[in-house]
Amino acid sequence: MWPKRGPEILDGGSIFWVIKGQILARQTVLRLDEVFGNDGIRRCAIVMEPTLHKTEITPRRAFQGWRYLPVENSPKDLTSARLKESPLPAPLIAALAEIGVR
């Protein structure tokens, strides 16, 4: 499948990683490459920046396919100060994120 809103993705878009029901990180999308499988079907290869950017923990159900997060709804990257903090236990982080405390 090819994303219908490809130009938006390429204009600073990211793939957000949902792990155990929470967005925890993102990778910037660099480009979308057209590839064809052995079956001749056209597909989209997503080429991403190799760096993972940790984000604020945000509850989110896992999904398949494309989902578009407007900037105002996407989790913010952690600041350098937050990256240096000792992590809280995962269950506590999840509970705090669920009630909107980040």
Protein backbone atom coordinates (compact mmCIF):
# COMPACT_ATOMS: atom_id res chain seq x y z
CA MET A 1 0.00 0.00 0.00
CA TRP A 2 1.10 3.56 -0.65
CA PRO A 3 0.14 6.33 1.79
CA LYS A 4 -2.50 8.70 0.40
CA ARG A 5 -0.92 11.60 2.28
CA GLY A 6 2.71 10.90 1.35
CA PRO A 7 3.74 14.57 0.95
CA GLU A 8 2.60 15.28 4.52
CA ILE A 9 4.68 12.38 5.82
CA LEU A 10 7.75 13.60 3.99
CA ASP A 11 7.35 17.11 5.40
CA GLY A 12 8.80 16.26 8.83
CA GLY A 13 6.61 13.23 9.54
CA SER A 14 7.53 10.39 11.87
CA ILE A 15 6.67 6.80 12.57
CA PHE A 16 5.55 6.52 16.20
CA TRP A 17 6.32 3.23 17.91
CA VAL A 18 3.49 1.72 19.98
CA ILE A 19 4.95 -0.75 22.47
CA LYS A 20 2.68 -2.56 24.92
CA GLY A 21 -0.12 -0.05 24.37
CA GLN A 22 2.00 3.10 24.68
CA ILE A 23 3.77 5.39 22.25
CA LEU A 24 7.36 5.44 23.52
CA ALA A 25 9.47 6.63 20.59
CA ARG A 26 9.47 7.94 17.05
CA GLN A 27 11.66 7.87 13.96
CA THR A 28 11.68 10.58 11.30
CA VAL A 29 10.60 9.42 7.84
CA LEU A 30 13.25 10.37 5.27
CA ARG A 31 11.62 9.08 2.11
CA LEU A 32 9.15 6.63 0.61
CA ASP A 33 10.60 4.24 -1.98
CA GLU A 34 8.60 2.33 -4.53
CA VAL A 35 9.41 -1.39 -4.51
CA PHE A 36 7.89 -4.35 -6.29
CA GLY A 37 7.59 -7.77 -4.68
CA ASN A 38 8.23 -11.08 -6.44
CA ASP A 39 4.49 -11.10 -7.11
CA GLY A 40 4.78 -7.84 -9.09
CA ILE A 41 2.70 -5.87 -6.59
CA ARG A 42 3.80 -2.28 -5.94
CA ARG A 43 4.61 -1.56 -2.31
CA CYS A 44 5.97 1.29 -0.22
CA ALA A 45 9.30 0.97 1.57
CA ILE A 46 9.58 3.48 4.40
CA VAL A 47 13.13 4.77 4.82
CA MET A 48 13.61 6.20 8.30
CA GLU A 49 16.30 8.08 10.15
CA PRO A 50 18.17 5.45 12.22
CA THR A 51 17.92 7.51 15.42
CA LEU A 52 15.08 6.72 17.82
CA HIS A 53 13.71 9.77 19.62
CA LYS A 54 12.17 8.93 22.98
CA THR A 55 8.81 10.62 23.44
CA GLU A 56 6.46 11.37 26.28
CA ILE A 57 4.67 8.15 27.11
CA THR A 58 1.23 8.27 25.56
CA PRO A 59 -1.37 5.49 25.81
CA ARG A 60 -2.37 4.29 22.35
CA ARG A 61 -3.85 1.05 21.11
CA ALA A 62 -1.77 -0.80 18.56
CA PHE A 63 -2.98 -0.44 14.97
CA GLN A 64 -2.22 -1.70 11.51
CA GLY A 65 -1.86 0.51 8.51
CA TRP A 66 -1.38 4.24 8.28
CA ARG A 67 -2.60 6.55 11.00
CA TYR A 68 -1.93 10.24 10.81
CA LEU A 69 -1.23 12.14 14.01
CA PRO A 70 -1.62 15.89 13.72
CA VAL A 71 1.29 17.72 15.35
CA GLU A 72 -0.97 18.90 18.18
CA ASN A 73 -1.94 15.27 18.97
CA SER A 74 1.50 13.70 18.70
CA PRO A 75 3.62 13.10 21.79
CA LYS A 76 6.48 15.52 22.35
CA ASP A 77 10.10 14.37 22.37
CA LEU A 78 11.65 14.07 25.80
CA THR A 79 13.92 16.98 26.68
CA SER A 80 17.61 16.32 27.33
CA ALA A 81 16.95 16.85 31.06
CA ARG A 82 14.18 14.23 31.03
CA LEU A 83 16.43 11.78 29.19
CA LYS A 84 18.94 11.98 32.08
CA GLU A 85 16.33 11.22 34.77
CA SER A 86 16.15 7.81 36.38
CA PRO A 87 13.22 5.98 34.85
CA LEU A 88 10.17 5.27 36.97
CA PRO A 89 8.90 1.70 37.09
CA ALA A 90 6.98 0.89 33.90
CA PRO A 91 3.62 0.21 35.65
CA LEU A 92 3.80 3.61 37.38
CA ILE A 93 4.65 5.38 34.12
CA ALA A 94 1.70 3.68 32.43
CA ALA A 95 -0.69 4.62 35.24
CA LEU A 96 0.44 8.25 35.21
CA ALA A 97 0.16 8.47 31.42
CA GLU A 98 -3.33 7.01 31.56
CA ILE A 99 -4.53 9.83 33.81
CA GLY A 100 -2.75 12.47 31.75
CA VAL A 101 0.32 13.08 33.94
CA ARG A 102 3.50 13.18 31.87
